[in-house]
Each structure stands twice: as structure tokens, then as C-alpha cells.
Amino acid sequence: MINEMASMLQVVNRSIMDPEDYDLEKYDELKSLYDLLKQKGQLSVAETQAFVQELANIRK
């Protein structure tokens, strides 16, 4: 799921999207972000930055 999000967000620095860095206790938050991303499809630059920042906030 995280790797797919990285592809959808076109993240260049994949090290911030390493699935090992995310705690399973935060699965619900990750799933919500994933579902929103799938629903929106394309994001603006600002939305992409916000998604990446939110992912950074929920890393271990």
C-alpha cells in the first residue's frame, strides 16, 4: 500500500516511503490516506506536498 502511494504521489526520494518505517498501529491512518488518494486520482502540487508531509508525521 505504501509503495503504491509512493508511485501515485510520484515520490522521488523513496527512502521516506519505506514500509518498514511505518507502525502497524497507525494502519487506519495510512488506509485513510490511501483511500483518499485513490479517490482523488490526481493531486495538485500543494496536495501532494501535504500528503507527503502527513505520511512523514505518521512514520515511526
N, C-alpha and C. Protein backbone atom coordinates (compact mmCIF):
# COMPACT_ATOMS: atom_id res chain seq x y z
N MET A 1 0.83 -1.18 0.00
CA MET A 1 0.00 0.00 0.00
C MET A 1 0.88 1.25 0.00
N ILE A 2 1.93 1.26 0.82
CA ILE A 2 2.80 2.43 0.89
C ILE A 2 3.58 2.61 -0.41
N ASN A 3 4.06 1.51 -0.98
CA ASN A 3 4.77 1.61 -2.26
C ASN A 3 3.85 2.13 -3.36
N GLU A 4 2.61 1.70 -3.34
CA GLU A 4 1.65 2.18 -4.34
C GLU A 4 1.38 3.67 -4.15
N MET A 5 1.30 4.10 -2.89
CA MET A 5 1.11 5.53 -2.62
C MET A 5 2.31 6.32 -3.12
N ALA A 6 3.51 5.80 -2.93
CA ALA A 6 4.72 6.49 -3.40
C ALA A 6 4.67 6.66 -4.91
N SER A 7 4.21 5.63 -5.61
CA SER A 7 4.10 5.73 -7.07
C SER A 7 3.04 6.75 -7.47
N MET A 8 1.91 6.72 -6.79
CA MET A 8 0.82 7.64 -7.12
C MET A 8 1.21 9.09 -6.83
N LEU A 9 2.01 9.28 -5.78
CA LEU A 9 2.46 10.63 -5.42
C LEU A 9 3.71 11.04 -6.19
N GLN A 10 4.26 10.12 -6.96
CA GLN A 10 5.48 10.35 -7.74
C GLN A 10 6.62 10.83 -6.85
N VAL A 11 6.79 10.14 -5.73
CA VAL A 11 7.84 10.47 -4.77
C VAL A 11 9.19 10.05 -5.35
N VAL A 12 10.12 10.99 -5.40
CA VAL A 12 11.45 10.71 -5.93
C VAL A 12 12.31 10.04 -4.87
N ASN A 13 12.28 10.57 -3.65
CA ASN A 13 13.08 10.03 -2.55
C ASN A 13 12.28 8.92 -1.88
N ARG A 14 12.42 7.71 -2.38
CA ARG A 14 11.64 6.58 -1.87
C ARG A 14 12.02 6.17 -0.45
N SER A 15 13.14 6.68 0.07
CA SER A 15 13.54 6.30 1.43
C SER A 15 12.52 6.77 2.46
N ILE A 16 11.79 7.84 2.17
CA ILE A 16 10.77 8.31 3.12
C ILE A 16 9.51 7.46 3.04
N MET A 17 9.45 6.58 2.06
CA MET A 17 8.27 5.75 1.86
C MET A 17 8.57 4.27 2.10
N ASP A 18 9.56 3.98 2.92
CA ASP A 18 9.91 2.59 3.23
C ASP A 18 8.84 2.00 4.14
N PRO A 19 8.15 0.95 3.71
CA PRO A 19 7.09 0.36 4.53
C PRO A 19 7.55 -0.05 5.93
N GLU A 20 8.82 -0.37 6.07
CA GLU A 20 9.36 -0.78 7.37
C GLU A 20 9.32 0.37 8.39
N ASP A 21 9.24 1.61 7.90
CA ASP A 21 9.27 2.78 8.78
C ASP A 21 7.90 3.16 9.32
N TYR A 22 6.88 2.40 8.97
CA TYR A 22 5.53 2.72 9.41
C TYR A 22 5.03 1.66 10.38
N ASP A 23 4.45 2.13 11.46
CA ASP A 23 3.96 1.26 12.52
C ASP A 23 2.58 0.72 12.16
N LEU A 24 2.37 -0.57 12.35
CA LEU A 24 1.06 -1.16 12.05
C LEU A 24 -0.05 -0.59 12.93
N GLU A 25 0.32 -0.02 14.06
CA GLU A 25 -0.69 0.61 14.93
C GLU A 25 -1.33 1.82 14.24
N LYS A 26 -0.65 2.36 13.24
CA LYS A 26 -1.18 3.53 12.52
C LYS A 26 -1.77 3.12 11.17
N TYR A 27 -2.12 1.84 11.06
CA TYR A 27 -2.67 1.33 9.80
C TYR A 27 -3.92 2.09 9.38
N ASP A 28 -4.80 2.39 10.32
CA ASP A 28 -6.05 3.08 9.98
C ASP A 28 -5.78 4.44 9.35
N GLU A 29 -4.79 5.17 9.88
CA GLU A 29 -4.43 6.47 9.31
C GLU A 29 -3.88 6.30 7.90
N LEU A 30 -3.00 5.31 7.73
CA LEU A 30 -2.43 5.05 6.41
C LEU A 30 -3.52 4.65 5.42
N LYS A 31 -4.42 3.80 5.86
CA LYS A 31 -5.51 3.33 4.99
C LYS A 31 -6.41 4.49 4.58
N SER A 32 -6.68 5.40 5.50
CA SER A 32 -7.50 6.58 5.18
C SER A 32 -6.82 7.44 4.12
N LEU A 33 -5.51 7.65 4.29
CA LEU A 33 -4.77 8.43 3.30
C LEU A 33 -4.77 7.73 1.94
N TYR A 34 -4.56 6.43 1.97
CA TYR A 34 -4.55 5.63 0.74
C TYR A 34 -5.90 5.72 0.03
N ASP A 35 -6.98 5.54 0.78
CA ASP A 35 -8.32 5.60 0.19
C ASP A 35 -8.60 6.98 -0.41
N LEU A 36 -8.20 8.03 0.29
CA LEU A 36 -8.41 9.38 -0.21
C LEU A 36 -7.61 9.61 -1.49
N LEU A 37 -6.39 9.13 -1.49
CA LEU A 37 -5.54 9.27 -2.67
C LEU A 37 -6.13 8.52 -3.87
N LYS A 38 -6.62 7.31 -3.64
CA LYS A 38 -7.24 6.53 -4.72
C LYS A 38 -8.49 7.24 -5.25
N GLN A 39 -9.24 7.83 -4.34
CA GLN A 39 -10.48 8.50 -4.72
C GLN A 39 -10.20 9.77 -5.53
N LYS A 40 -9.21 10.55 -5.09
CA LYS A 40 -8.90 11.82 -5.76
C LYS A 40 -8.26 11.61 -7.12
N GLY A 41 -7.45 10.58 -7.24
CA GLY A 41 -6.74 10.37 -8.50
C GLY A 41 -5.54 11.29 -8.60
N GLN A 42 -5.69 12.38 -9.33
CA GLN A 42 -4.59 13.32 -9.47
C GLN A 42 -4.67 14.39 -8.41
N LEU A 43 -3.48 14.80 -7.94
CA LEU A 43 -3.39 15.83 -6.92
C LEU A 43 -2.62 17.03 -7.45
N SER A 44 -2.91 18.18 -6.89
CA SER A 44 -2.12 19.37 -7.21
C SER A 44 -0.78 19.24 -6.49
N VAL A 45 0.14 20.12 -6.82
CA VAL A 45 1.45 20.10 -6.17
C VAL A 45 1.29 20.32 -4.66
N ALA A 46 0.45 21.25 -4.28
CA ALA A 46 0.23 21.54 -2.86
C ALA A 46 -0.38 20.33 -2.14
N GLU A 47 -1.32 19.66 -2.78
CA GLU A 47 -1.94 18.47 -2.18
C GLU A 47 -0.92 17.34 -2.04
N THR A 48 -0.07 17.18 -3.04
CA THR A 48 0.97 16.16 -2.98
C THR A 48 1.91 16.43 -1.83
N GLN A 49 2.33 17.67 -1.68
CA GLN A 49 3.21 18.04 -0.56
C GLN A 49 2.53 17.78 0.77
N ALA A 50 1.25 18.07 0.86
CA ALA A 50 0.51 17.84 2.10
C ALA A 50 0.42 16.35 2.41
N PHE A 51 0.20 15.53 1.41
CA PHE A 51 0.16 14.07 1.60
C PHE A 51 1.51 13.56 2.10
N VAL A 52 2.58 13.99 1.45
CA VAL A 52 3.92 13.54 1.85
C VAL A 52 4.21 13.98 3.28
N GLN A 53 3.82 15.20 3.63
CA GLN A 53 4.04 15.69 5.00
C GLN A 53 3.24 14.87 6.00
N GLU A 54 2.01 14.55 5.66
CA GLU A 54 1.18 13.75 6.55
C GLU A 54 1.77 12.36 6.74
N LEU A 55 2.29 11.77 5.67
CA LEU A 55 2.96 10.48 5.78
C LEU A 55 4.20 10.58 6.68
N ALA A 56 4.93 11.67 6.55
CA ALA A 56 6.12 11.87 7.40
C ALA A 56 5.71 11.97 8.86
N ASN A 57 4.57 12.58 9.13
CA ASN A 57 4.10 12.74 10.50
C ASN A 57 3.72 11.42 11.16
N ILE A 58 3.32 10.43 10.38
CA ILE A 58 2.89 9.17 10.99
C ILE A 58 3.94 8.06 10.90
N ARG A 59 5.14 8.43 10.46
CA ARG A 59 6.23 7.44 10.46
C ARG A 59 6.65 7.16 11.89
N LYS A 60 7.33 6.02 12.09
CA LYS A 60 7.83 5.64 13.43
C LYS A 60 8.77 6.69 13.96
